[in-house]
Amino acid sequence: MNYTKGEWRARLAGGTLDYPYYVDTEERSIANIWGGSRDKGDAKANAHLIAAAPDMYETLNTLRNYYAAYKTCPFIGKVLASLAKAEGK
């Protein structure tokens, strides 16, 4: 699966921007996160969740490969469903 490589970071936008948080790498922007004026805590949590997505994807992919080799993983259904969702299937 292709996605933007590099360390994804959740950062506070600050300034006069309409969104409170964004996710980026050293080289490019990934996402702007709007939380609405009612709960900026949601925007922060969403930004950190998005920033963690590549690491979580790689971990789930490792579990999928482990299952393929050893045929044991009590939660493989959730692993495969999450990977399918991430891969747009």
C-alpha atoms as a PDB file:
ATOM      1  CA  MET A   1       0.000   0.000   0.000  1.00  0.00           C
ATOM      2  CA  ASN A   2       1.302   3.452  -0.880  1.00  0.00           C
ATOM      3  CA  TYR A   3       1.011   6.299   1.582  1.00  0.00           C
ATOM      4  CA  THR A   4       3.200   9.257   2.528  1.00  0.00           C
ATOM      5  CA  LYS A   5       6.372   7.920   4.112  1.00  0.00           C
ATOM      6  CA  GLY A   6       8.152   9.567   7.001  1.00  0.00           C
ATOM      7  CA  GLU A   7       7.298  10.327  10.600  1.00  0.00           C
ATOM      8  CA  TRP A   8       3.760  11.752  10.781  1.00  0.00           C
ATOM      9  CA  ARG A   9       3.382  14.490  13.407  1.00  0.00           C
ATOM     10  CA  ALA A  10       0.311  16.034  15.014  1.00  0.00           C
ATOM     11  CA  ARG A  11       0.865  19.743  15.560  1.00  0.00           C
ATOM     12  CA  LEU A  12      -1.026  22.706  16.890  1.00  0.00           C
ATOM     13  CA  ALA A  13      -1.658  25.118  14.018  1.00  0.00           C
ATOM     14  CA  GLY A  14      -1.860  28.345  15.990  1.00  0.00           C
ATOM     15  CA  GLY A  15      -2.040  31.736  14.331  1.00  0.00           C
ATOM     16  CA  THR A  16      -5.140  32.740  12.408  1.00  0.00           C
ATOM     17  CA  LEU A  17      -5.829  29.398  10.741  1.00  0.00           C
ATOM     18  CA  ASP A  18      -9.392  28.065  10.778  1.00  0.00           C
ATOM     19  CA  TYR A  19      -8.281  24.646  11.987  1.00  0.00           C
ATOM     20  CA  PRO A  20      -6.615  24.035  15.352  1.00  0.00           C
ATOM     21  CA  TYR A  21      -4.409  21.034  14.425  1.00  0.00           C
ATOM     22  CA  TYR A  22      -2.676  19.557  11.426  1.00  0.00           C
ATOM     23  CA  VAL A  23      -0.674  16.433  10.597  1.00  0.00           C
ATOM     24  CA  ASP A  24       2.467  16.603   8.508  1.00  0.00           C
ATOM     25  CA  THR A  25       5.894  15.103   7.805  1.00  0.00           C
ATOM     26  CA  GLU A  26       9.179  16.912   7.314  1.00  0.00           C
ATOM     27  CA  GLU A  27       8.338  17.243   3.613  1.00  0.00           C
ATOM     28  CA  ARG A  28       4.573  17.594   3.226  1.00  0.00           C
ATOM     29  CA  SER A  29       1.197  18.263   4.776  1.00  0.00           C
ATOM     30  CA  ILE A  30      -1.063  15.261   5.426  1.00  0.00           C
ATOM     31  CA  ALA A  31      -4.258  16.672   6.944  1.00  0.00           C
ATOM     32  CA  ASN A  32      -5.872  19.707   8.507  1.00  0.00           C
ATOM     33  CA  ILE A  33      -8.132  18.830  11.428  1.00  0.00           C
ATOM     34  CA  TRP A  34     -11.153  20.914  12.274  1.00  0.00           C
ATOM     35  CA  GLY A  35     -12.590  20.340  15.718  1.00  0.00           C
ATOM     36  CA  GLY A  36     -15.246  22.998  15.802  1.00  0.00           C
ATOM     37  CA  SER A  37     -15.409  25.625  18.481  1.00  0.00           C
ATOM     38  CA  ARG A  38     -17.365  23.334  20.804  1.00  0.00           C
ATOM     39  CA  ASP A  39     -14.600  20.791  21.424  1.00  0.00           C
ATOM     40  CA  LYS A  40     -11.009  21.374  20.418  1.00  0.00           C
ATOM     41  CA  GLY A  41     -10.116  18.267  22.448  1.00  0.00           C
ATOM     42  CA  ASP A  42     -11.640  16.167  19.670  1.00  0.00           C
ATOM     43  CA  ALA A  43      -9.433  17.884  17.096  1.00  0.00           C
ATOM     44  CA  LYS A  44      -6.313  17.141  19.142  1.00  0.00           C
ATOM     45  CA  ALA A  45      -7.280  13.484  19.646  1.00  0.00           C
ATOM     46  CA  ASN A  46      -8.145  13.080  15.953  1.00  0.00           C
ATOM     47  CA  ALA A  47      -4.835  14.649  14.907  1.00  0.00           C
ATOM     48  CA  HIS A  48      -2.860  12.260  17.100  1.00  0.00           C
ATOM     49  CA  LEU A  49      -4.868   9.269  15.862  1.00  0.00           C
ATOM     50  CA  ILE A  50      -4.202  10.234  12.230  1.00  0.00           C
ATOM     51  CA  ALA A  51      -0.500  10.766  12.983  1.00  0.00           C
ATOM     52  CA  ALA A  52      -0.302   7.252  14.469  1.00  0.00           C
ATOM     53  CA  ALA A  53      -2.007   5.619  11.451  1.00  0.00           C
ATOM     54  CA  PRO A  54       1.159   4.552   9.561  1.00  0.00           C
ATOM     55  CA  ASP A  55       2.613   2.873  12.664  1.00  0.00           C
ATOM     56  CA  MET A  56      -0.680   1.135  13.405  1.00  0.00           C
ATOM     57  CA  TYR A  57      -0.980   0.009   9.778  1.00  0.00           C
ATOM     58  CA  GLU A  58       2.526  -1.464   9.796  1.00  0.00           C
ATOM     59  CA  THR A  59       1.837  -3.257  13.100  1.00  0.00           C
ATOM     60  CA  LEU A  60      -1.391  -4.773  11.762  1.00  0.00           C
ATOM     61  CA  ASN A  61       0.364  -5.784   8.560  1.00  0.00           C
ATOM     62  CA  THR A  62       3.038  -7.546  10.636  1.00  0.00           C
ATOM     63  CA  LEU A  63       0.268  -9.445  12.463  1.00  0.00           C
ATOM     64  CA  ARG A  64      -1.282 -10.420   9.112  1.00  0.00           C
ATOM     65  CA  ASN A  65       2.076 -11.775   7.956  1.00  0.00           C
ATOM     66  CA  TYR A  66       2.556 -13.618  11.259  1.00  0.00           C
ATOM     67  CA  TYR A  67      -0.863 -15.218  10.867  1.00  0.00           C
ATOM     68  CA  ALA A  68      -0.026 -16.276   7.289  1.00  0.00           C
ATOM     69  CA  ALA A  69       3.111 -18.011   8.560  1.00  0.00           C
ATOM     70  CA  TYR A  70       1.881 -19.536  11.830  1.00  0.00           C
ATOM     71  CA  LYS A  71      -1.921 -19.759  11.379  1.00  0.00           C
ATOM     72  CA  THR A  72      -2.548 -18.519  14.896  1.00  0.00           C
ATOM     73  CA  CYS A  73      -3.933 -15.198  16.030  1.00  0.00           C
ATOM     74  CA  PRO A  74      -7.097 -15.088  18.165  1.00  0.00           C
ATOM     75  CA  PHE A  75      -8.111 -11.670  16.822  1.00  0.00           C
ATOM     76  CA  ILE A  76      -7.164 -12.082  13.151  1.00  0.00           C
ATOM     77  CA  GLY A  77     -10.686 -11.142  12.031  1.00  0.00           C
ATOM     78  CA  LYS A  78     -10.330  -7.655  13.516  1.00  0.00           C
ATOM     79  CA  VAL A  79      -6.814  -7.328  12.110  1.00  0.00           C
ATOM     80  CA  LEU A  80      -7.948  -8.228   8.594  1.00  0.00           C
ATOM     81  CA  ALA A  81     -11.038  -5.994   8.804  1.00  0.00           C
ATOM     82  CA  SER A  82      -8.940  -3.027   9.923  1.00  0.00           C
ATOM     83  CA  LEU A  83      -6.406  -3.570   7.165  1.00  0.00           C
ATOM     84  CA  ALA A  84      -9.164  -3.884   4.559  1.00  0.00           C
ATOM     85  CA  LYS A  85     -10.659  -0.590   5.747  1.00  0.00           C
ATOM     86  CA  ALA A  86      -7.266   1.128   5.606  1.00  0.00           C
ATOM     87  CA  GLU A  87      -6.655  -0.283   2.130  1.00  0.00           C
ATOM     88  CA  GLY A  88     -10.044   0.884   0.845  1.00  0.00           C
ATOM     89  CA  LYS A  89     -11.422  -2.630   0.279  1.00  0.00           C
END
